[in-house]
Structures are given as C-alpha cells and as structure tokens.
Amino acid sequence: MHNVVFFLIIFIPVTGFILERYLEYLNATMRSEKLPVKLKGICDEEEYRKTQLYEKDNKKLSFWSSSFNLAVILAMIIASGFAFVDNIARSLGGNNVVISLIFFGIIGFASDLINLPFSWYDTFVIEKKYGFNTMTIMTFITDHIKSWFIAIIVGIPVLGLITWLYYRIGKEFWLYAWGLITIFSVLINLFYSNLIVPLFNKQIPLEAGPLREKIEEFAGKTGFRLKNIYVINGSKRSTKANAYFSGFGPKKRIVLFDTLMKEFSDEEIVAILAHEVGHYRKKHVLRGLVLSFILTGLMLFLFSVIVDSPMLSSAMGAKTPSFHLGLIVFGILYSPLSLMIGLATNYMSRKNEFEADRFVRENYNKGALAESLKKLSVKNLSNMMPHPAYVFFHYSHPPLLARLAKLE
C-alpha cells in the first residue's frame, strides 16, 4: 500500500502538469494573425496583437515556473526531502506543535524564495514591457516582507491551534478546526478592508460630487444601504483598472481603483458598481461564503480519516508519522477532488456573473456596462477569444463576448 501512495503522489502532480499544458495548447490554437470578425468594434488590429503577445509571454513564464516547481516537488518526494525537513524541525522543536510550525515555516519560506525570481520577472519584465507596472523595487520588497509578517501573525496562531487540536483530541479534531476556520473566515471578510488592505494601499472615502451622488442614487433605488465608498491607490503598483466589493452587513464597502476613476466615465463606473451590487442583492456573496464553509468541512473530514495513517508519512521517507507530513501528502491526494470542485464552483461563478450583469440590465444601463466591459478587456489586455475548454477549467468569469451576448 505504501508503494500505491508513493505512486499517486508522483502521478497526480505530473498528470496535472500535462493537463495544464494541453489546455494552454488548445488556448493557443485560438490565436489569429488577423483581428477576428467578432472583435471588430471592440478593439483594433494593434490592440488585438498586443493582447496575444501579452498572453504568450505570460504563458511562457507560467510554463517555466510550473515546470521548475514540479521538478522541485518531485525531487523532494523522491529524495525524501520532506523527511529531511521533518528531521530538522524535530531537532529544533520541543513538542509536536512547535515541530509542525517549524516544518511549515521552512517549507513556506523556501517556496516563497523559489518563486520570488518568477514573481520579479513577471512584475519588472512582462508587466513593465506592456506598460502595466508602476511598482518600484522597494515596494516589491516591502510587499513581500509585509506578506511574511501577515503569514507569521495570522498563520502561526491558526495553524498552531489546529495542530494542537489534532494531537489533543485525535480524529475528531476536524470539527473544532472547521469551527475555528469558519470563524476566522468570517472575521477576515468583515475586517479585510480595514486591517489588511491599509498595510499595502491607501484608501480614501470617495469625495462628494456627481459620481458619489450617482452611486448613492442607484444604491437607494435598489434598496442597497451603502455608506462606505472608497478610492484605492492601485496606480502605486499597476495601471490596470479594477473595482471590488468586500465585507457584508454594516462592514460592506465598495472600493474603486484610482486607475478606474481616470479612464472611465461616471456612467461606466456606476454600471461596474451596479454589477457588484447585483452580486450582493442576488446573495452570491453569502452563498459563496456558505459553500466555502461546507467544502472546508468536507476537506477537513477527509483529512481526519487518513491523517494518522503511517502510509502517508512513510511515502515521504519518514519513519515517524506526523500531522504535517500527513497534510502534505493529503494536499496532493486531494488535488483531483479539488479540481472537480473547482470546475463546479467556476461554473456557478460564471452563472452568477451573468445574473449580476442581468441585474444591471434590469436596474441601470446595460449599454454603460457593455462599454465598461470592453474597456476593461482592452485596457487589461485580457484574452477575448479563449478556447471553450480553457474557459471550462479556469474561468470564474465568462469571456467578454459571452457576457456582451447575454446583455443583449
């Protein structure tokens, strides 16, 4: 049975890598030398050529990044690298909880360092080449330091408590861990914009004026109580335009990127926000949160069934079973089920996007939303002609042409 587990933890990542490369190949077959007829009136020849070049550069980086990461994972499995890190953690830690925290700390830090060059290349070569990057090297460095700080402040207590629950309670730990993660997720949703975002960006209330009046007028018309409308300095890192909705209840807020404010008309901005309001009014946010809680419970239950199996740790070359090694193996074994769940949630998400678009069509201005979607796709160099199979596997939002067709 040990050999079966070892085979699976090799087979699953390799199969996933091959599937991803095939999907990217299918996507590449959709590229054209000439502007497709369906995109005429949306972008010109030069803009379309630029979107294709941008996608090609990103996929090339993705290939090298994923290839290198796969090689590292396979080497760690075959050469008992995870068992080696486990031995280091055991030599430094005094109890099982500390050992697990040291183990995940080493793995997490090493993983971040491995991917740092790819992240740097993406930011300072590809994004700069296409006129998106406005980030300085100092901002890039401080962003990573802040991310590590958050991981330490938040990750250590949560992971430590879950590990302690396992060693204290046994297999039933998953129920308590589920409750802990659920509470933590709710708190993050409530306070993300207040506590996390300010570490990276400045948020200022949208000043009084025609735009705020139009937003408040629409919110009042649709029975959406909204006082928190903020502008974020997204231009500090990128020229890409965006807007998002966060929180719920009294903590809900709408955040506009300053890049959106500069290049979009008031009508188009309100249409984008109306789409976000549509998600809230259709209860997509609440349903998504509940679904994530259910899926988290399922994952924790399945993990609790096999976590104490000696086969998991021995497949990594370790002699002593442990929570942290079991979690690494389970993460790999769970990935096929995670893929199936991802396909279902992506389908639901695309359906929700259509519903939110329909909300705009029925309550505001479908023409303004259509124009804003076109602008966003062209400005952000989105792939406007993706392969259906790639959409099925990866897209949480429908492609531009599908959304425009539904709006009509």
Protein backbone atom coordinates (compact mmCIF):
# COMPACT_ATOMS: atom_id res chain seq x y z
CA MET A 1 0.00 0.00 0.00
CA HIS A 2 2.97 2.30 0.70
CA ASN A 3 4.01 1.90 -2.95
CA VAL A 4 0.48 2.85 -4.11
CA VAL A 5 0.56 6.11 -2.13
CA PHE A 6 4.07 6.89 -3.39
CA PHE A 7 2.95 6.26 -6.98
CA LEU A 8 -0.09 8.51 -6.56
CA ILE A 9 1.85 11.44 -5.10
CA ILE A 10 4.12 11.27 -8.14
CA PHE A 11 1.41 10.55 -10.71
CA ILE A 12 -1.08 13.24 -9.65
CA PRO A 13 1.22 16.31 -9.96
CA VAL A 14 2.65 15.06 -13.26
CA THR A 15 -0.84 14.44 -14.68
CA GLY A 16 -1.97 17.88 -13.55
CA PHE A 17 1.04 19.47 -15.25
CA ILE A 18 0.36 17.65 -18.53
CA LEU A 19 -3.34 18.59 -18.44
CA GLU A 20 -2.46 22.25 -17.91
CA ARG A 21 -0.02 22.26 -20.82
CA TYR A 22 -2.66 20.68 -23.08
CA LEU A 23 -5.22 23.31 -22.10
CA GLU A 24 -2.71 26.05 -22.85
CA TYR A 25 -2.04 24.45 -26.24
CA LEU A 26 -5.77 24.50 -27.02
CA ASN A 27 -5.94 28.12 -25.97
CA ALA A 28 -3.03 28.97 -28.27
CA THR A 29 -4.92 27.49 -31.26
CA MET A 30 -7.47 30.31 -30.90
CA ARG A 31 -4.89 32.96 -31.77
CA SER A 32 -5.16 34.61 -35.15
CA GLU A 33 -2.93 36.77 -37.32
CA LYS A 34 -5.89 38.97 -38.18
CA LEU A 35 -8.48 40.62 -35.99
CA PRO A 36 -11.43 38.18 -35.61
CA VAL A 37 -14.70 39.47 -37.03
CA LYS A 38 -16.36 39.09 -33.61
CA LEU A 39 -13.91 41.58 -32.08
CA LYS A 40 -14.37 44.33 -34.66
CA GLY A 41 -15.73 47.40 -32.92
CA ILE A 42 -14.22 46.24 -29.62
CA CYS A 43 -10.52 46.62 -30.37
CA ASP A 44 -8.32 47.36 -33.38
CA GLU A 45 -5.63 45.22 -35.04
CA GLU A 46 -2.80 46.62 -32.91
CA GLU A 47 -4.66 46.18 -29.63
CA TYR A 48 -5.61 42.60 -30.54
CA ARG A 49 -1.99 41.79 -31.48
CA LYS A 50 -0.85 43.20 -28.14
CA THR A 51 -3.29 41.02 -26.17
CA GLN A 52 -1.92 37.93 -27.93
CA LEU A 53 1.71 38.85 -27.28
CA TYR A 54 0.91 39.57 -23.61
CA GLU A 55 -0.79 36.19 -23.24
CA LYS A 56 2.10 34.38 -24.96
CA ASP A 57 4.65 35.98 -22.63
CA ASN A 58 2.58 35.11 -19.56
CA LYS A 59 2.07 31.51 -20.65
CA LYS A 60 5.79 31.12 -21.35
CA LEU A 61 6.58 32.32 -17.83
CA SER A 62 3.86 30.05 -16.44
CA PHE A 63 5.43 27.07 -18.24
CA TRP A 64 8.89 27.65 -16.77
CA SER A 65 7.53 28.45 -13.33
CA SER A 66 5.27 25.39 -13.14
CA SER A 67 7.99 23.14 -14.65
CA PHE A 68 10.51 24.26 -12.04
CA ASN A 69 8.02 23.88 -9.20
CA LEU A 70 7.06 20.39 -10.40
CA ALA A 71 10.72 19.41 -10.56
CA VAL A 72 11.28 20.64 -7.01
CA ILE A 73 8.22 18.78 -5.67
CA LEU A 74 9.21 15.53 -7.41
CA ALA A 75 12.77 15.86 -6.13
CA MET A 76 11.52 16.47 -2.59
CA ILE A 77 9.31 13.37 -2.78
CA ILE A 78 11.77 11.01 -4.49
CA ALA A 79 14.81 12.12 -2.48
CA SER A 80 12.88 12.22 0.84
CA GLY A 81 13.34 15.99 1.04
CA PHE A 82 10.21 16.45 3.15
CA ALA A 83 11.51 13.82 5.59
CA PHE A 84 14.79 15.75 5.76
CA VAL A 85 12.95 18.97 6.66
CA ASP A 86 10.94 16.95 9.20
CA ASN A 87 14.20 15.83 10.84
CA ILE A 88 15.42 19.43 11.02
CA ALA A 89 12.13 20.51 12.61
CA ARG A 90 12.35 17.69 15.15
CA SER A 91 15.89 18.68 16.09
CA LEU A 92 14.73 22.26 16.76
CA GLY A 93 11.24 21.73 18.20
CA GLY A 94 10.39 20.62 21.69
CA ASN A 95 6.86 19.29 21.04
CA ASN A 96 4.66 18.24 18.15
CA VAL A 97 3.01 21.64 17.67
CA VAL A 98 6.33 23.50 17.53
CA ILE A 99 7.75 20.85 15.20
CA SER A 100 4.83 21.31 12.78
CA LEU A 101 5.17 25.11 12.86
CA ILE A 102 8.91 24.92 12.16
CA PHE A 103 8.29 22.41 9.36
CA PHE A 104 5.68 24.56 7.62
CA GLY A 105 7.76 27.68 8.25
CA ILE A 106 10.75 26.16 6.42
CA ILE A 107 8.59 24.83 3.56
CA GLY A 108 6.66 28.10 3.20
CA PHE A 109 9.76 30.32 3.29
CA ALA A 110 11.64 28.09 0.81
CA SER A 111 8.63 28.00 -1.53
CA ASP A 112 8.39 31.80 -1.49
CA LEU A 113 12.11 32.17 -2.23
CA ILE A 114 11.88 29.68 -5.11
CA ASN A 115 9.02 31.61 -6.69
CA LEU A 116 10.48 35.06 -5.99
CA PRO A 117 12.50 35.25 -9.26
CA PHE A 118 9.41 34.35 -11.31
CA SER A 119 7.35 36.97 -9.48
CA TRP A 120 10.10 39.56 -10.05
CA TYR A 121 10.29 38.70 -13.78
CA ASP A 122 6.52 38.94 -14.12
CA THR A 123 6.44 42.35 -12.43
CA PHE A 124 9.56 44.06 -13.77
CA VAL A 125 9.86 42.46 -17.22
CA ILE A 126 6.47 41.35 -18.57
CA GLU A 127 4.22 43.87 -16.79
CA LYS A 128 6.69 46.68 -17.48
CA LYS A 129 7.03 45.68 -21.13
CA TYR A 130 3.29 46.12 -21.67
CA GLY A 131 3.02 49.35 -19.71
CA PHE A 132 1.29 47.96 -16.62
CA ASN A 133 3.91 48.00 -13.89
CA THR A 134 4.32 51.15 -11.80
CA MET A 135 5.80 49.36 -8.79
CA THR A 136 9.25 50.26 -7.52
CA ILE A 137 11.75 47.65 -6.39
CA MET A 138 11.39 48.96 -2.82
CA THR A 139 7.59 48.46 -2.95
CA PHE A 140 8.13 44.95 -4.31
CA ILE A 141 10.46 44.12 -1.41
CA THR A 142 8.29 45.69 1.29
CA ASP A 143 5.20 43.93 -0.09
CA HIS A 144 6.93 40.58 0.40
CA ILE A 145 8.10 41.50 3.90
CA LYS A 146 4.57 42.57 4.84
CA SER A 147 3.18 39.31 3.39
CA TRP A 148 5.59 37.31 5.54
CA PHE A 149 4.62 39.41 8.55
CA ILE A 150 0.90 38.67 7.98
CA ALA A 151 1.67 34.96 7.46
CA ILE A 152 3.50 34.90 10.80
CA ILE A 153 0.97 36.94 12.78
CA VAL A 154 -2.08 35.14 11.38
CA GLY A 155 -0.73 31.78 10.24
CA ILE A 156 1.14 30.72 13.36
CA PRO A 157 -1.81 31.02 15.79
CA VAL A 158 -4.32 29.37 13.42
CA LEU A 159 -2.04 26.55 12.24
CA GLY A 160 -0.67 26.05 15.74
CA LEU A 161 -4.15 25.75 17.25
CA ILE A 162 -5.32 23.30 14.56
CA THR A 163 -2.21 21.16 15.11
CA TRP A 164 -2.72 21.28 18.88
CA LEU A 165 -6.36 20.21 18.44
CA TYR A 166 -5.24 17.19 16.40
CA TYR A 167 -2.71 15.98 18.96
CA ARG A 168 -5.05 16.76 21.86
CA ILE A 169 -8.36 15.39 20.54
CA GLY A 170 -7.48 12.94 17.77
CA LYS A 171 -9.63 12.30 14.71
CA GLU A 172 -12.50 14.43 15.96
CA PHE A 173 -10.22 17.46 15.72
CA TRP A 174 -11.70 18.29 12.32
CA LEU A 175 -14.96 19.54 13.84
CA TYR A 176 -13.16 22.03 16.07
CA ALA A 177 -10.80 23.02 13.25
CA TRP A 178 -13.80 23.56 10.98
CA GLY A 179 -15.39 25.87 13.53
CA LEU A 180 -12.13 27.76 14.02
CA ILE A 181 -11.58 28.27 10.27
CA THR A 182 -15.21 29.32 9.80
CA ILE A 183 -14.93 32.00 12.48
CA PHE A 184 -11.60 33.15 11.09
CA SER A 185 -13.02 33.39 7.55
CA VAL A 186 -15.96 35.49 8.72
CA LEU A 187 -13.63 37.85 10.58
CA ILE A 188 -11.36 38.18 7.54
CA ASN A 189 -14.36 39.00 5.34
CA LEU A 190 -15.53 41.60 7.83
CA PHE A 191 -12.24 43.33 8.52
CA TYR A 192 -10.08 42.66 5.43
CA SER A 193 -10.50 46.19 4.04
CA ASN A 194 -9.97 47.79 7.45
CA LEU A 195 -6.94 45.81 8.63
CA ILE A 196 -5.15 44.11 5.73
CA VAL A 197 -5.58 46.48 2.77
CA PRO A 198 -4.15 49.55 4.61
CA LEU A 199 -0.85 47.67 5.01
CA PHE A 200 -0.43 47.80 1.24
CA ASN A 201 -2.60 50.62 -0.10
CA LYS A 202 -4.17 53.89 0.92
CA GLN A 203 -7.97 54.06 0.90
CA ILE A 204 -9.74 57.38 1.00
CA PRO A 205 -13.52 57.98 1.01
CA LEU A 206 -14.90 58.97 -2.39
CA GLU A 207 -15.33 62.72 -2.24
CA ALA A 208 -18.69 64.40 -2.69
CA GLY A 209 -19.56 65.08 -6.30
CA PRO A 210 -21.52 63.82 -9.31
CA LEU A 211 -20.07 60.29 -9.18
CA ARG A 212 -20.83 59.74 -5.50
CA GLU A 213 -24.32 61.17 -5.99
CA LYS A 214 -24.97 58.77 -8.88
CA ILE A 215 -23.70 55.80 -6.87
CA GLU A 216 -25.81 56.69 -3.83
CA GLU A 217 -28.84 57.34 -6.03
CA PHE A 218 -28.52 53.90 -7.62
CA ALA A 219 -27.93 52.24 -4.23
CA GLY A 220 -31.04 53.91 -2.81
CA LYS A 221 -33.12 52.96 -5.84
CA THR A 222 -32.22 49.27 -5.47
CA GLY A 223 -32.59 49.21 -1.68
CA PHE A 224 -28.87 48.74 -1.11
CA ARG A 225 -27.67 50.55 2.00
CA LEU A 226 -24.21 51.85 1.25
CA LYS A 227 -22.13 54.47 3.03
CA ASN A 228 -18.63 53.10 2.54
CA ILE A 229 -17.34 54.06 -0.91
CA TYR A 230 -13.55 54.25 -1.13
CA VAL A 231 -10.87 55.01 -3.71
CA ILE A 232 -7.66 52.94 -3.52
CA ASN A 233 -4.29 53.96 -4.96
CA GLY A 234 -3.96 50.97 -7.28
CA SER A 235 -1.74 53.06 -9.58
CA LYS A 236 1.02 52.57 -6.99
CA ARG A 237 1.57 49.11 -8.47
CA SER A 238 -0.19 48.86 -11.82
CA THR A 239 -2.06 50.82 -14.47
CA LYS A 240 -4.72 48.08 -14.66
CA ALA A 241 -8.23 49.20 -13.73
CA ASN A 242 -10.44 47.40 -11.23
CA ALA A 243 -13.13 47.70 -8.57
CA TYR A 244 -14.29 45.30 -5.90
CA PHE A 245 -16.87 44.72 -3.19
CA SER A 246 -15.89 43.46 0.25
CA GLY A 247 -17.46 42.64 3.60
CA PHE A 248 -21.12 42.25 4.45
CA GLY A 249 -23.65 43.77 6.80
CA PRO A 250 -22.54 47.13 8.24
CA LYS A 251 -18.95 46.41 7.12
CA LYS A 252 -19.71 46.17 3.42
CA ARG A 253 -17.85 48.61 1.22
CA ILE A 254 -17.16 49.30 -2.45
CA VAL A 255 -13.60 50.08 -3.47
CA LEU A 256 -12.68 51.85 -6.73
CA PHE A 257 -9.15 51.81 -8.12
CA ASP A 258 -7.88 55.29 -8.95
CA THR A 259 -6.95 53.95 -12.40
CA LEU A 260 -10.64 53.25 -12.99
CA MET A 261 -11.54 56.79 -11.98
CA LYS A 262 -9.11 58.29 -14.50
CA GLU A 263 -10.22 56.46 -17.64
CA PHE A 264 -13.89 55.54 -17.20
CA SER A 265 -16.95 57.79 -17.33
CA ASP A 266 -19.24 58.16 -14.32
CA GLU A 267 -21.92 56.10 -16.09
CA GLU A 268 -19.47 53.27 -16.74
CA ILE A 269 -18.18 53.29 -13.15
CA VAL A 270 -21.72 53.18 -11.73
CA ALA A 271 -22.50 50.29 -14.12
CA ILE A 272 -19.48 48.37 -12.80
CA LEU A 273 -20.58 49.01 -9.22
CA ALA A 274 -24.15 48.09 -10.11
CA HIS A 275 -22.79 44.71 -11.20
CA GLU A 276 -21.13 44.31 -7.78
CA VAL A 277 -24.36 45.36 -6.05
CA GLY A 278 -26.11 42.72 -8.18
CA HIS A 279 -23.89 40.05 -6.63
CA TYR A 280 -24.88 41.23 -3.18
CA ARG A 281 -28.60 41.53 -3.91
CA LYS A 282 -28.66 38.07 -5.52
CA LYS A 283 -26.95 36.72 -2.37
CA HIS A 284 -23.96 35.43 -4.37
CA VAL A 285 -21.56 36.67 -1.69
CA LEU A 286 -23.41 34.89 1.13
CA ARG A 287 -23.88 31.68 -0.88
CA GLY A 288 -20.21 31.65 -1.84
CA LEU A 289 -19.21 32.04 1.80
CA VAL A 290 -21.52 29.21 2.92
CA LEU A 291 -20.29 26.95 0.13
CA SER A 292 -16.67 27.59 1.10
CA PHE A 293 -17.51 26.62 4.69
CA ILE A 294 -19.11 23.35 3.50
CA LEU A 295 -16.15 22.50 1.26
CA THR A 296 -13.71 23.28 4.07
CA GLY A 297 -15.62 20.90 6.33
CA LEU A 298 -15.53 18.18 3.66
CA MET A 299 -11.78 18.60 3.19
CA LEU A 300 -11.08 18.50 6.93
CA PHE A 301 -13.26 15.41 7.39
CA LEU A 302 -11.49 13.53 4.61
CA PHE A 303 -8.14 14.58 6.05
CA SER A 304 -9.15 13.33 9.50
CA VAL A 305 -9.91 9.90 8.05
CA ILE A 306 -6.38 9.29 6.81
CA VAL A 307 -4.15 11.73 8.73
CA ASP A 308 -2.90 9.16 11.25
CA SER A 309 -2.10 6.55 8.58
CA PRO A 310 1.62 5.63 8.72
CA MET A 311 1.49 5.18 4.92
CA LEU A 312 1.31 8.93 4.35
CA SER A 313 4.48 9.79 6.23
CA SER A 314 6.35 6.67 5.10
CA ALA A 315 5.58 7.56 1.45
CA MET A 316 7.64 10.71 2.13
CA GLY A 317 10.50 8.62 3.54
CA ALA A 318 9.81 9.46 7.19
CA LYS A 319 9.81 6.83 9.93
CA THR A 320 7.62 8.73 12.38
CA PRO A 321 4.01 9.59 11.36
CA SER A 322 3.12 13.25 11.84
CA PHE A 323 0.33 15.76 11.26
CA HIS A 324 2.43 17.98 9.00
CA LEU A 325 3.70 15.24 6.67
CA GLY A 326 0.20 13.78 6.51
CA LEU A 327 -1.11 17.19 5.48
CA ILE A 328 1.47 17.49 2.67
CA VAL A 329 0.54 14.07 1.24
CA PHE A 330 -3.18 14.71 1.67
CA GLY A 331 -2.85 18.01 -0.20
CA ILE A 332 -1.50 16.12 -3.20
CA LEU A 333 -4.02 13.27 -3.00
CA TYR A 334 -6.89 15.74 -2.57
CA SER A 335 -6.00 17.74 -5.70
CA PRO A 336 -8.08 15.64 -8.18
CA LEU A 337 -11.18 16.14 -6.00
CA SER A 338 -10.20 19.81 -5.62
CA LEU A 339 -10.10 20.07 -9.42
CA MET A 340 -13.62 18.64 -9.72
CA ILE A 341 -14.90 21.01 -7.03
CA GLY A 342 -13.15 23.87 -8.82
CA LEU A 343 -14.92 23.03 -12.09
CA ALA A 344 -18.29 23.13 -10.31
CA THR A 345 -17.57 26.37 -8.43
CA ASN A 346 -16.24 28.03 -11.61
CA TYR A 347 -19.45 27.07 -13.39
CA MET A 348 -21.52 28.55 -10.56
CA SER A 349 -19.36 31.68 -10.55
CA ARG A 350 -19.83 32.22 -14.30
CA LYS A 351 -23.59 31.76 -13.81
CA ASN A 352 -23.50 34.34 -11.02
CA GLU A 353 -21.68 36.81 -13.28
CA PHE A 354 -24.44 36.51 -15.87
CA GLU A 355 -27.04 37.10 -13.13
CA ALA A 356 -25.20 40.20 -11.88
CA ASP A 357 -25.00 41.50 -15.46
CA ARG A 358 -28.74 40.92 -15.83
CA PHE A 359 -29.29 42.89 -12.63
CA VAL A 360 -27.54 45.86 -14.28
CA ARG A 361 -29.60 45.42 -17.44
CA GLU A 362 -32.84 45.47 -15.43
CA ASN A 363 -31.92 48.19 -12.94
CA TYR A 364 -29.43 50.52 -14.55
CA ASN A 365 -27.84 50.78 -18.01
CA LYS A 366 -26.76 47.74 -20.00
CA GLY A 367 -25.04 49.92 -22.60
CA ALA A 368 -22.77 51.52 -19.98
CA LEU A 369 -21.87 48.09 -18.58
CA ALA A 370 -21.12 46.74 -22.08
CA GLU A 371 -18.78 49.67 -22.79
CA SER A 372 -17.04 49.28 -19.43
CA LEU A 373 -16.51 45.54 -20.04
CA LYS A 374 -15.00 46.28 -23.45
CA LYS A 375 -12.72 48.96 -22.00
CA LEU A 376 -11.58 46.72 -19.14
CA SER A 377 -10.78 43.84 -21.51
CA VAL A 378 -8.81 46.02 -23.90
CA LYS A 379 -7.03 48.07 -21.23
CA ASN A 380 -6.05 44.99 -19.18
CA LEU A 381 -5.09 43.02 -22.34
CA SER A 382 -7.49 40.19 -21.48
CA ASN A 383 -7.77 37.21 -23.81
CA MET A 384 -11.05 37.92 -25.58
CA MET A 385 -11.09 34.70 -27.63
CA PRO A 386 -10.23 31.87 -25.19
CA HIS A 387 -10.77 28.20 -26.03
CA PRO A 388 -14.03 26.79 -24.53
CA ALA A 389 -12.11 24.00 -22.74
CA TYR A 390 -9.78 26.53 -21.12
CA VAL A 391 -12.79 28.58 -20.04
CA PHE A 392 -14.42 25.45 -18.60
CA PHE A 393 -11.37 24.62 -16.47
CA HIS A 394 -10.12 28.06 -15.46
CA TYR A 395 -12.55 30.92 -15.92
CA SER A 396 -14.54 32.13 -12.92
CA HIS A 397 -15.92 34.92 -15.16
CA PRO A 398 -17.48 34.33 -18.61
CA PRO A 399 -15.44 35.58 -21.59
CA LEU A 400 -16.21 39.09 -22.84
CA LEU A 401 -18.17 38.04 -25.95
CA ALA A 402 -20.42 35.73 -23.94
CA ARG A 403 -21.22 38.50 -21.48
CA LEU A 404 -21.95 41.00 -24.24
CA ALA A 405 -24.26 38.50 -25.95
CA LYS A 406 -26.18 37.88 -22.72
CA LEU A 407 -26.51 41.60 -22.07
CA GLU A 408 -28.27 41.96 -25.39
